[in-house]
Protein backbone atom coordinates (compact mmCIF):
# COMPACT_ATOMS: atom_id res chain seq x y z
CA MET A 1 -40.21 30.84 -51.31
CA LEU A 2 -41.13 31.98 -47.86
CA ILE A 3 -41.09 28.28 -46.31
CA LYS A 4 -37.68 27.87 -48.15
CA SER A 5 -37.04 31.61 -46.65
CA LEU A 6 -37.80 30.17 -43.27
CA MET A 7 -35.85 26.86 -43.00
CA ILE A 8 -32.85 28.40 -44.13
CA GLY A 9 -33.10 31.02 -41.16
CA CYS A 10 -34.12 27.79 -38.97
CA PHE A 11 -30.72 25.93 -39.94
CA LEU A 12 -28.77 29.02 -39.55
CA PHE A 13 -30.02 29.65 -36.50
CA PHE A 14 -29.21 26.30 -34.38
CA LEU A 15 -26.05 25.87 -36.63
CA GLY A 16 -25.13 29.55 -34.68
CA SER A 17 -26.40 28.39 -31.40
CA SER A 18 -24.08 24.89 -31.31
CA ALA A 19 -21.07 27.05 -32.79
CA LEU A 20 -21.59 29.28 -29.31
CA THR A 21 -21.89 26.29 -27.28
CA ALA A 22 -18.69 24.71 -28.33
CA GLN A 23 -16.84 27.53 -27.44
CA ASP A 24 -13.45 27.96 -26.68
CA PHE A 25 -13.30 29.76 -23.46
CA GLU A 26 -9.99 32.51 -22.79
CA TYR A 27 -7.16 31.87 -20.55
CA VAL A 28 -7.30 35.27 -17.81
CA GLY A 29 -3.77 33.52 -16.24
CA ALA A 30 -3.65 32.53 -12.06
CA LYS A 31 -3.37 36.01 -10.86
CA LYS A 32 -7.12 36.41 -11.46
CA CYS A 33 -8.11 33.72 -9.71
CA LYS A 34 -5.71 34.47 -6.66
CA MET A 35 -8.21 38.24 -6.03
CA CYS A 36 -10.56 35.16 -4.33
CA HIS A 37 -8.77 31.85 -3.57
CA ASN A 38 -5.77 33.87 -1.60
CA LYS A 39 -7.08 33.38 1.92
CA PRO A 40 -6.96 31.16 4.42
CA ALA A 41 -10.76 31.36 5.95
CA THR A 42 -11.66 30.14 2.17
CA GLY A 43 -8.84 27.76 1.30
CA ASP A 44 -6.04 29.79 0.33
CA GLN A 45 -6.09 27.55 -3.19
CA TYR A 46 -3.44 30.27 -4.26
CA LYS A 47 -0.78 29.46 -1.72
CA LYS A 48 -0.89 25.95 -2.18
CA TRP A 49 -0.51 26.21 -6.13
CA ALA A 50 2.29 28.87 -6.25
CA ASP A 51 4.12 26.36 -3.63
CA SER A 52 3.38 23.54 -5.99
CA LYS A 53 5.56 22.24 -8.22
CA HIS A 54 2.85 22.91 -11.24
CA ALA A 55 3.71 26.19 -10.29
CA HIS A 56 7.24 26.04 -11.12
CA ALA A 57 7.23 23.07 -13.87
CA MET A 58 9.14 25.64 -16.39
CA GLU A 59 11.74 25.17 -13.63
CA SER A 60 12.85 21.94 -14.95
CA LEU A 61 12.93 22.53 -18.57
CA LYS A 62 16.17 23.47 -19.54
CA GLY A 63 17.35 25.07 -23.01
CA ASP A 64 15.71 24.18 -25.88
CA GLU A 65 13.51 22.17 -23.74
CA ALA A 66 12.14 26.08 -22.16
CA LYS A 67 10.80 25.92 -26.51
CA ASP A 68 9.51 22.85 -27.44
CA PRO A 69 6.07 22.71 -27.99
CA LYS A 70 6.40 18.66 -27.02
CA CYS A 71 7.64 20.33 -23.24
CA LEU A 72 5.45 22.85 -22.70
CA LYS A 73 2.30 21.31 -23.37
CA CYS A 74 2.58 19.86 -19.87
CA HIS A 75 4.85 22.21 -18.11
CA SER A 76 3.08 25.67 -18.90
CA THR A 77 -1.20 26.21 -19.43
CA ALA A 78 -0.01 28.49 -22.09
CA GLY A 79 2.05 26.54 -23.89
CA SER A 80 -1.00 23.59 -24.00
CA VAL A 81 -3.44 25.54 -26.23
CA LYS A 82 -4.59 27.75 -28.47
CA SER A 83 -3.02 31.40 -28.58
CA ASP A 84 -5.83 33.32 -29.29
CA LEU A 85 -6.76 31.79 -25.82
CA ILE A 86 -4.40 33.24 -24.08
CA VAL A 87 -5.68 37.70 -22.35
CA THR A 88 -3.03 37.33 -19.44
CA LEU A 89 -1.29 33.86 -19.45
CA THR A 90 1.55 33.78 -19.80
CA VAL A 91 4.45 30.23 -20.15
CA GLU A 92 6.10 31.31 -16.78
CA GLU A 93 3.42 30.66 -15.00
CA GLY A 94 4.00 27.32 -15.59
CA VAL A 95 0.54 24.21 -14.79
CA SER A 96 -1.53 26.90 -13.57
CA CYS A 97 -4.83 26.93 -12.48
CA GLU A 98 -6.83 26.77 -16.13
CA SER A 99 -4.49 24.11 -17.13
CA CYS A 100 -7.03 21.92 -14.64
CA HIS A 101 -10.18 24.53 -14.27
CA GLY A 102 -10.15 25.08 -18.08
CA GLY A 103 -10.11 28.52 -19.51
CA GLY A 104 -11.44 30.79 -16.74
CA SER A 105 -12.73 33.83 -18.90
CA LYS A 106 -16.13 33.28 -18.51
CA TYR A 107 -16.10 31.50 -14.91
CA PHE A 108 -13.46 34.02 -13.22
CA PRO A 109 -16.13 36.46 -11.95
CA ASN A 110 -17.64 36.22 -8.72
CA ALA A 111 -20.83 36.43 -9.44
CA ILE A 112 -20.62 33.02 -11.27
CA MET A 113 -18.25 31.31 -9.29
CA LYS A 114 -21.07 31.50 -5.96
CA ASP A 115 -23.25 29.25 -8.85
CA LYS A 116 -20.81 25.76 -9.30
CA GLU A 117 -23.33 24.71 -12.13
CA LYS A 118 -23.38 27.78 -14.00
CA ALA A 119 -19.74 28.41 -13.01
CA LYS A 120 -19.45 24.56 -14.97
CA ALA A 121 -21.70 26.31 -17.91
CA ASN A 122 -19.05 28.65 -18.01
CA GLY A 123 -16.16 26.98 -19.19
CA LEU A 124 -15.09 25.72 -15.58
CA LYS A 125 -13.89 21.83 -15.52
CA ILE A 126 -14.18 19.64 -12.60
CA PRO A 127 -10.56 18.09 -12.72
CA ASP A 128 -10.53 14.02 -12.72
CA GLU A 129 -7.63 11.38 -13.62
CA LYS A 130 -8.16 11.45 -17.20
CA THR A 131 -7.07 15.19 -16.81
CA CYS A 132 -4.11 14.56 -14.93
CA ILE A 133 -2.71 11.51 -17.14
CA ALA A 134 -3.13 13.97 -20.44
CA CYS A 135 0.43 14.61 -18.73
CA HIS A 136 1.17 12.52 -16.24
CA ASN A 137 2.09 9.48 -19.09
CA ALA A 138 4.75 7.14 -20.63
CA GLU A 139 4.62 9.75 -23.13
CA SER A 140 7.01 11.94 -20.76
CA PRO A 141 10.33 11.09 -20.93
CA HIS A 142 10.66 11.96 -17.12
CA PHE A 143 7.64 9.26 -16.44
CA LYS A 144 8.09 7.48 -13.00
CA GLY A 145 4.53 5.99 -12.84
CA PHE A 146 1.65 7.68 -11.35
CA ASN A 147 -0.92 7.26 -8.76
CA TYR A 148 -3.21 9.25 -9.32
CA LYS A 149 -5.36 8.99 -5.90
CA GLU A 150 -1.55 10.13 -4.34
CA ALA A 151 -1.14 12.50 -6.46
CA LYS A 152 -4.22 14.30 -6.18
CA GLU A 153 -4.29 14.41 -2.08
CA LYS A 154 -1.24 16.32 -2.76
CA ILE A 155 -2.51 19.17 -4.49
CA ALA A 156 -6.29 19.26 -3.24
CA HIS A 157 -7.00 22.83 -2.83
CA PRO A 158 -11.04 22.09 -2.05
CA THR A 159 -12.66 26.09 -1.17
CA ILE A 160 -14.17 26.08 2.57
CA LYS A 161 -17.57 27.68 2.45
CA ILE A 162 -18.22 30.21 5.13
C-alpha cells in the first residue's frame, strides 16, 4: 500500500511539474515595456514601436472589422490571446510588443530582463520568420507578399547595452 501511495504521489508531482512548464504567461501591455525600453541610450524600442504600423494596426479596421475575431487576431495583440491571459493589455494598442515577444508578466521585471536566458525561461520569445508569417500571409485579404528580411529591417529595435 505504501509503495502504491508513493507511486501515485510521484506521478502527481511530475504531472504538476509539467503543467508549470507549459504555463501560459499573462499579457501586460506596451506601457510595462515602456518603463525600460524608452531611452535613446538603450535603443528607444518603445518609440520605434509607437511610430510603427504595428502600433496603429487597429486604425486600418473599419466598422465591423474592428470587432471581427478574424481581423483582430492580427491587428491587435489582445485579439490574438485568450482573454484570461490579458492583465492590462487593450485592443487599441494594436500589434504590441507581446505579439512578437510573448506575454511579459513574468519576464518584464528588470532583474529578469537583464539575463536573456532567464527572460526566455519566463516567457520571452525571440521572434523569427514564423512569428511574422502567422499574420503576414495569404489568408489576409490585404496580402501583397511578404519579404521577411526587408520587414525585419524596418522594425528592427535592438537593445543597446551600456
